[in-house]
C-alpha atoms as a PDB file:
ATOM      1  CA  MET A   1      -7.118  -0.576 -22.764  1.00  0.00           C
ATOM      2  CA  LYS A   2      -6.976   1.037 -19.354  1.00  0.00           C
ATOM      3  CA  ILE A   3      -6.428   4.788 -19.093  1.00  0.00           C
ATOM      4  CA  SER A   4      -5.489   6.145 -15.678  1.00  0.00           C
ATOM      5  CA  VAL A   5      -5.925   9.900 -15.307  1.00  0.00           C
ATOM      6  CA  PHE A   6      -4.295  11.766 -12.429  1.00  0.00           C
ATOM      7  CA  GLY A   7      -4.773  15.226 -11.018  1.00  0.00           C
ATOM      8  CA  ASN A   8      -6.899  17.415  -8.823  1.00  0.00           C
ATOM      9  CA  PRO A   9      -9.941  18.903 -10.586  1.00  0.00           C
ATOM     10  CA  ASP A  10      -9.981  21.826  -8.139  1.00  0.00           C
ATOM     11  CA  LEU A  11      -6.397  23.004  -8.801  1.00  0.00           C
ATOM     12  CA  ASP A  12      -5.659  24.780 -12.083  1.00  0.00           C
ATOM     13  CA  GLU A  13      -2.013  23.699 -11.952  1.00  0.00           C
ATOM     14  CA  ASP A  14      -3.006  20.024 -11.592  1.00  0.00           C
ATOM     15  CA  ASN A  15      -6.143  19.495 -13.675  1.00  0.00           C
ATOM     16  CA  ALA A  16      -4.919  19.534 -17.294  1.00  0.00           C
ATOM     17  CA  ALA A  17      -5.089  15.724 -17.525  1.00  0.00           C
ATOM     18  CA  ILE A  18      -8.614  15.613 -16.113  1.00  0.00           C
ATOM     19  CA  LYS A  19      -9.753  18.186 -18.672  1.00  0.00           C
ATOM     20  CA  LEU A  20      -8.652  15.719 -21.394  1.00  0.00           C
ATOM     21  CA  ILE A  21     -11.175  13.042 -20.380  1.00  0.00           C
ATOM     22  CA  PRO A  22     -13.803  14.003 -23.026  1.00  0.00           C
ATOM     23  CA  TRP A  23     -11.093  13.856 -25.731  1.00  0.00           C
ATOM     24  CA  LEU A  24      -9.795  10.524 -24.379  1.00  0.00           C
ATOM     25  CA  LYS A  25     -13.328   9.049 -24.509  1.00  0.00           C
ATOM     26  CA  LYS A  26     -13.591   9.998 -28.198  1.00  0.00           C
ATOM     27  CA  LYS A  27     -10.098   8.818 -29.119  1.00  0.00           C
ATOM     28  CA  TYR A  28     -10.343   5.529 -27.163  1.00  0.00           C
ATOM     29  CA  PRO A  29     -14.088   4.678 -27.167  1.00  0.00           C
ATOM     30  CA  GLY A  30     -13.694   1.180 -25.701  1.00  0.00           C
ATOM     31  CA  ALA A  31     -11.170   2.121 -23.032  1.00  0.00           C
ATOM     32  CA  GLU A  32     -11.728   1.983 -19.296  1.00  0.00           C
ATOM     33  CA  ILE A  33     -10.984   5.548 -18.153  1.00  0.00           C
ATOM     34  CA  LYS A  34     -10.567   6.201 -14.450  1.00  0.00           C
ATOM     35  CA  ILE A  35      -9.405   9.153 -12.346  1.00  0.00           C
ATOM     36  CA  GLU A  36      -6.933   7.631  -9.897  1.00  0.00           C
ATOM     37  CA  ASP A  37      -4.873   8.524  -6.839  1.00  0.00           C
ATOM     38  CA  PRO A  38      -1.380   6.937  -6.713  1.00  0.00           C
ATOM     39  CA  SER A  39      -1.499   6.789  -2.931  1.00  0.00           C
ATOM     40  CA  GLU A  40      -4.411   4.334  -3.143  1.00  0.00           C
ATOM     41  CA  GLY A  41      -2.379   1.690  -4.974  1.00  0.00           C
ATOM     42  CA  LEU A  42      -2.372   1.188  -8.721  1.00  0.00           C
ATOM     43  CA  LYS A  43      -3.304  -1.943 -10.632  1.00  0.00           C
ATOM     44  CA  PRO A  44      -1.247  -2.040 -13.834  1.00  0.00           C
ATOM     45  CA  ALA A  45      -2.857  -3.268 -17.050  1.00  0.00           C
ATOM     46  CA  GLU A  46      -1.195  -4.894 -20.043  1.00  0.00           C
ATOM     47  CA  ASP A  47      -2.346  -2.052 -22.316  1.00  0.00           C
ATOM     48  CA  TRP A  48      -1.992   0.960 -20.003  1.00  0.00           C
ATOM     49  CA  LEU A  49      -1.959   4.670 -20.745  1.00  0.00           C
ATOM     50  CA  ILE A  50      -1.360   7.139 -17.944  1.00  0.00           C
ATOM     51  CA  VAL A  51      -2.286  10.803 -18.303  1.00  0.00           C
ATOM     52  CA  ASP A  52      -0.942  13.314 -15.784  1.00  0.00           C
ATOM     53  CA  THR A  53       0.299  16.866 -15.398  1.00  0.00           C
ATOM     54  CA  CYS A  54       4.073  17.285 -15.476  1.00  0.00           C
ATOM     55  CA  ARG A  55       6.463  20.118 -14.650  1.00  0.00           C
ATOM     56  CA  GLY A  56       9.418  20.869 -16.897  1.00  0.00           C
ATOM     57  CA  ILE A  57       7.667  20.456 -20.263  1.00  0.00           C
ATOM     58  CA  ASP A  58       6.019  23.096 -22.445  1.00  0.00           C
ATOM     59  CA  LYS A  59       3.814  20.885 -24.642  1.00  0.00           C
ATOM     60  CA  PRO A  60       2.033  17.517 -24.316  1.00  0.00           C
ATOM     61  CA  THR A  61       4.742  14.855 -24.311  1.00  0.00           C
ATOM     62  CA  GLU A  62       4.616  11.069 -24.550  1.00  0.00           C
ATOM     63  CA  PHE A  63       6.974   8.981 -22.422  1.00  0.00           C
ATOM     64  CA  LYS A  64       7.616   5.249 -22.517  1.00  0.00           C
ATOM     65  CA  ASP A  65      10.594   5.236 -20.147  1.00  0.00           C
ATOM     66  CA  LEU A  66      10.109   5.849 -16.420  1.00  0.00           C
ATOM     67  CA  ASP A  67      13.789   6.694 -16.071  1.00  0.00           C
ATOM     68  CA  LYS A  68      13.050  10.001 -17.837  1.00  0.00           C
ATOM     69  CA  PHE A  69      11.274  11.152 -14.681  1.00  0.00           C
ATOM     70  CA  GLU A  70      13.342  12.797 -11.983  1.00  0.00           C
ATOM     71  CA  SER A  71      13.272  11.144  -8.579  1.00  0.00           C
ATOM     72  CA  VAL A  72      12.554  13.674  -5.888  1.00  0.00           C
ATOM     73  CA  ARG A  73      13.597  13.144  -2.294  1.00  0.00           C
ATOM     74  CA  ARG A  74      10.521  12.743  -0.112  1.00  0.00           C
ATOM     75  CA  VAL A  75      10.135  13.617   3.538  1.00  0.00           C
ATOM     76  CA  SER A  76       6.717  12.159   4.376  1.00  0.00           C
ATOM     77  CA  VAL A  77       4.025   9.872   2.989  1.00  0.00           C
ATOM     78  CA  HIS A  78       2.134  13.005   1.961  1.00  0.00           C
ATOM     79  CA  ASP A  79       4.882  13.582  -0.623  1.00  0.00           C
ATOM     80  CA  TYR A  80       4.241  10.205  -2.282  1.00  0.00           C
ATOM     81  CA  ASP A  81       3.734  10.752  -6.002  1.00  0.00           C
ATOM     82  CA  LEU A  82       2.906   8.957  -9.222  1.00  0.00           C
ATOM     83  CA  ALA A  83       6.487   8.615 -10.494  1.00  0.00           C
ATOM     84  CA  MET A  84       7.526   6.972  -7.234  1.00  0.00           C
ATOM     85  CA  GLU A  85       4.608   4.510  -7.397  1.00  0.00           C
ATOM     86  CA  LEU A  86       5.302   3.605 -11.038  1.00  0.00           C
ATOM     87  CA  LYS A  87       9.027   3.083 -10.448  1.00  0.00           C
ATOM     88  CA  LEU A  88       8.224   0.795  -7.527  1.00  0.00           C
ATOM     89  CA  LEU A  89       5.755  -1.236  -9.616  1.00  0.00           C
ATOM     90  CA  LYS A  90       8.344  -1.533 -12.401  1.00  0.00           C
ATOM     91  CA  LYS A  91      11.022  -2.689  -9.955  1.00  0.00           C
ATOM     92  CA  LEU A  92       8.601  -5.343  -8.640  1.00  0.00           C
ATOM     93  CA  GLY A  93       8.043  -6.562 -12.208  1.00  0.00           C
ATOM     94  CA  LYS A  94       4.392  -5.475 -12.301  1.00  0.00           C
ATOM     95  CA  ILE A  95       4.876  -3.127 -15.272  1.00  0.00           C
ATOM     96  CA  LYS A  96       6.212  -4.541 -18.518  1.00  0.00           C
ATOM     97  CA  LYS A  97       5.092  -1.816 -20.913  1.00  0.00           C
ATOM     98  CA  LEU A  98       3.674   1.616 -20.220  1.00  0.00           C
ATOM     99  CA  LYS A  99       2.852   4.809 -22.068  1.00  0.00           C
ATOM    100  CA  ILE A 100       2.531   8.149 -20.270  1.00  0.00           C
ATOM    101  CA  LEU A 101       0.955  11.239 -21.776  1.00  0.00           C
ATOM    102  CA  ALA A 102       2.293  14.188 -19.788  1.00  0.00           C
ATOM    103  CA  MET A 103       0.475  17.488 -19.952  1.00  0.00           C
ATOM    104  CA  PRO A 104       2.333  20.700 -19.094  1.00  0.00           C
ATOM    105  CA  VAL A 105       1.316  22.409 -15.862  1.00  0.00           C
ATOM    106  CA  ASP A 106      -0.046  25.376 -17.814  1.00  0.00           C
ATOM    107  CA  GLY A 107      -2.246  23.087 -19.949  1.00  0.00           C
END
């Protein structure tokens, strides 16, 4: 299993997923766990769990459908985000099955 964790450890509003890494290591002892940046290009895995911070939820929530994520209009490459990258990979047929664990912004 591959677990991709997203966020910025220096920003309280974006580090809830990173804080879960010790728990993820215990729950999935054989998993490859990596902190990733969607702007660097993602390599999907057959058994892939993504953990990220998400606005609009008040408790940890599991998603299996990318269409549940709102598409936000972007104005520059600096606005590139994880949902956009995942939707592109799905459209290209690179993602067959995916599970996302979304953590609320407030942890």
